[in-house]
Amino acid sequence: MSKPFTLTKDFVLFYHGCMENTDSSTAAPFDYDDPALWRLVPASVREIARHIGRQGAIALCTAFRGENITIPSRESANPRGAAKFQRLADAIGEVAARQLCAAYGGTRLAVPTMSAAKSAARCRSIERFIAAKVAEGASQRDAINEAARAFNLTSRAVENNLVRVV
């Protein structure tokens, strides 16, 4: 009889595209200064980044991925607005939260998941992992198999990811 599935921290980190063993709520899913990856970020995130910076925009998307959030008009508008502001401030910092409220206060914001950029970043991570293993003397096949184990993928999925490297 098989064991029941349990959601582990490693699975959550893998699923959200954060391949390092860090807290997924604070880890950036990719290098936001990389122009090739930044062009894969949705236009709405690039627009937000104009107001709060790339790091703040990525932190917002990491903390609220896939949610529809209402941006409070100011930090102490009312008790619910203050709670929303505090949640924003905890995710992106107080200064960025104030800037976001000034730009988008009172509006509903659909926060994207940035799946294309995360997928491209994962492909790059796999490529770098394999390149490092080959440089250490492993064969291409052994490196792919080791990457499959390291990234919890099949070797076919690793090969497919290599084709999509940005």
Protein backbone atom coordinates (compact mmCIF):
# COMPACT_ATOMS: atom_id res chain seq x y z
CA MET A 1 0.00 0.00 0.00
CA SER A 2 1.39 3.44 -0.91
CA LYS A 3 1.92 6.24 1.57
CA PRO A 4 -0.53 9.15 1.45
CA PHE A 5 0.84 12.29 -0.20
CA THR A 6 2.08 14.93 2.21
CA LEU A 7 2.95 18.46 1.22
CA THR A 8 6.56 19.07 2.22
CA LYS A 9 8.54 22.31 2.28
CA ASP A 10 10.83 20.93 -0.45
CA PHE A 11 7.85 20.30 -2.72
CA VAL A 12 6.46 23.79 -2.09
CA LEU A 13 9.87 25.33 -2.83
CA PHE A 14 10.15 23.30 -6.02
CA TYR A 15 6.60 24.04 -7.10
CA HIS A 16 7.01 27.79 -6.71
CA GLY A 17 10.24 27.82 -8.69
CA CYS A 18 12.54 28.55 -5.77
CA MET A 19 15.20 25.88 -6.12
CA GLU A 20 17.31 26.88 -3.14
CA ASN A 21 16.46 25.71 0.36
CA THR A 22 15.25 29.11 1.52
CA ASP A 23 11.99 30.51 2.78
CA SER A 24 9.79 30.66 -0.33
CA SER A 25 8.00 33.76 0.92
CA THR A 26 11.18 35.83 0.73
CA ALA A 27 13.26 34.16 -1.98
CA ALA A 28 13.16 35.84 -5.37
CA PRO A 29 12.08 33.28 -7.95
CA PHE A 30 14.71 34.58 -10.40
CA ASP A 31 17.31 37.29 -10.95
CA TYR A 32 15.21 40.39 -11.59
CA ASP A 33 18.21 42.25 -13.04
CA ASP A 34 18.56 39.75 -15.90
CA PRO A 35 17.16 41.44 -19.05
CA ALA A 36 16.38 38.13 -20.79
CA LEU A 37 14.24 36.97 -17.87
CA TRP A 38 12.77 40.42 -17.17
CA ARG A 39 11.26 40.55 -20.67
CA LEU A 40 9.24 37.43 -19.75
CA VAL A 41 7.65 39.22 -16.79
CA PRO A 42 4.06 40.36 -17.48
CA ALA A 43 3.60 44.00 -18.51
CA SER A 44 1.56 44.67 -15.35
CA VAL A 45 4.55 43.69 -13.19
CA ARG A 46 6.89 45.88 -15.25
CA GLU A 47 4.45 48.77 -14.74
CA ILE A 48 4.36 48.17 -10.97
CA ALA A 49 8.16 48.06 -11.00
CA ARG A 50 8.19 51.61 -12.40
CA HIS A 51 6.64 52.71 -9.10
CA ILE A 52 8.24 50.43 -6.51
CA GLY A 53 11.29 48.99 -8.29
CA ARG A 54 11.94 45.54 -9.68
CA GLN A 55 12.79 44.02 -6.32
CA GLY A 56 9.54 45.31 -4.81
CA ALA A 57 7.48 44.13 -7.78
CA ILE A 58 8.98 40.64 -7.59
CA ALA A 59 8.46 40.55 -3.82
CA LEU A 60 4.82 41.56 -4.34
CA CYS A 61 4.31 38.77 -6.88
CA THR A 62 6.07 36.25 -4.67
CA ALA A 63 3.94 37.12 -1.63
CA PHE A 64 0.58 37.52 -3.40
CA ARG A 65 0.99 35.27 -6.49
CA GLY A 66 -2.30 34.63 -8.22
CA GLU A 67 -4.36 36.74 -5.80
CA ASN A 68 -6.64 39.69 -6.50
CA ILE A 69 -5.77 42.29 -3.90
CA THR A 70 -7.23 45.70 -3.17
CA ILE A 71 -4.55 48.30 -2.65
CA PRO A 72 -5.46 50.61 0.25
CA SER A 73 -5.55 54.31 -0.55
CA ARG A 74 -3.27 55.07 2.39
CA GLU A 75 -1.72 53.38 5.34
CA SER A 76 -4.37 54.23 7.94
CA ALA A 77 -7.53 54.68 5.86
CA ASN A 78 -9.58 52.43 8.17
CA PRO A 79 -8.92 49.25 10.18
CA ARG A 80 -9.29 46.97 7.12
CA GLY A 81 -7.15 49.30 5.02
CA ALA A 82 -4.52 49.42 7.76
CA ALA A 83 -4.45 45.60 7.88
CA LYS A 84 -4.08 45.45 4.09
CA PHE A 85 -1.31 48.04 4.22
CA GLN A 86 0.50 46.09 6.93
CA ARG A 87 0.31 42.91 4.85
CA LEU A 88 1.78 44.82 1.89
CA ALA A 89 4.47 46.38 4.07
CA ASP A 90 5.43 42.98 5.46
CA ALA A 91 5.84 41.67 1.91
CA ILE A 92 7.55 44.58 0.13
CA GLY A 93 8.63 47.02 2.84
CA GLU A 94 6.95 50.17 4.13
CA VAL A 95 8.47 52.57 1.63
CA ALA A 96 7.46 50.43 -1.36
CA ALA A 97 4.00 49.88 0.18
CA ARG A 98 3.49 53.65 0.46
CA GLN A 99 4.64 54.09 -3.14
CA LEU A 100 2.28 51.34 -4.30
CA CYS A 101 -0.62 52.96 -2.40
CA ALA A 102 0.18 56.34 -3.95
CA ALA A 103 0.15 54.85 -7.45
CA TYR A 104 -2.63 52.25 -7.16
CA GLY A 105 -4.58 53.19 -4.01
CA GLY A 106 -8.22 52.11 -4.11
CA THR A 107 -7.77 49.81 -7.09
CA ARG A 108 -8.00 46.05 -7.35
CA LEU A 109 -4.79 44.44 -8.55
CA ALA A 110 -4.56 40.96 -10.08
CA VAL A 111 -1.11 39.74 -9.08
CA PRO A 112 0.41 37.47 -11.74
CA THR A 113 2.25 34.25 -10.99
CA MET A 114 5.07 35.04 -13.45
CA SER A 115 5.16 31.41 -14.55
CA ALA A 116 7.03 32.09 -17.82
CA ALA A 117 9.89 33.88 -16.07
CA LYS A 118 10.06 31.25 -13.32
CA SER A 119 10.07 28.45 -15.87
CA ALA A 120 12.88 30.12 -17.82
CA ALA A 121 14.84 30.61 -14.60
CA ARG A 122 14.38 26.93 -13.73
CA CYS A 123 15.60 25.95 -17.20
CA ARG A 124 18.69 28.08 -16.67
CA SER A 125 19.30 26.53 -13.26
CA ILE A 126 19.11 23.05 -14.78
CA GLU A 127 21.46 24.06 -17.60
CA ARG A 128 24.00 25.49 -15.14
CA PHE A 129 23.74 22.41 -12.94
CA ILE A 130 24.43 20.11 -15.91
CA ALA A 131 27.27 22.30 -17.19
CA ALA A 132 28.92 22.21 -13.75
CA LYS A 133 28.62 18.42 -13.56
CA VAL A 134 30.06 17.99 -17.07
CA ALA A 135 32.90 20.36 -16.17
CA GLU A 136 33.61 18.11 -13.17
CA GLY A 137 33.99 15.18 -15.56
CA ALA A 138 30.54 13.59 -15.61
CA SER A 139 29.09 12.41 -18.91
CA GLN A 140 26.15 14.35 -20.36
CA ARG A 141 23.80 11.42 -19.59
CA ASP A 142 25.03 11.12 -15.98
CA ALA A 143 24.68 14.89 -15.52
CA ILE A 144 21.11 14.80 -16.84
CA ASN A 145 20.23 11.91 -14.54
CA GLU A 146 21.76 13.71 -11.57
CA ALA A 147 19.85 16.88 -12.49
CA ALA A 148 16.65 14.83 -12.64
CA ARG A 149 17.27 13.67 -9.07
CA ALA A 150 18.32 17.13 -7.85
CA PHE A 151 15.32 18.93 -9.37
CA ASN A 152 12.86 16.10 -8.70
CA LEU A 153 12.10 15.67 -12.41
CA THR A 154 12.34 12.86 -14.91
CA SER A 155 15.35 12.81 -17.21
CA ARG A 156 12.95 13.49 -20.10
CA ALA A 157 11.67 16.62 -18.32
CA VAL A 158 15.26 17.75 -17.77
CA GLU A 159 16.00 17.30 -21.48
CA ASN A 160 12.83 19.21 -22.38
CA ASN A 161 13.88 22.03 -20.04
CA LEU A 162 17.27 22.22 -21.74
CA VAL A 163 15.55 22.89 -25.06
CA ARG A 164 13.71 25.90 -23.54
CA VAL A 165 16.69 27.68 -21.97
CA VAL A 166 16.49 31.46 -22.45
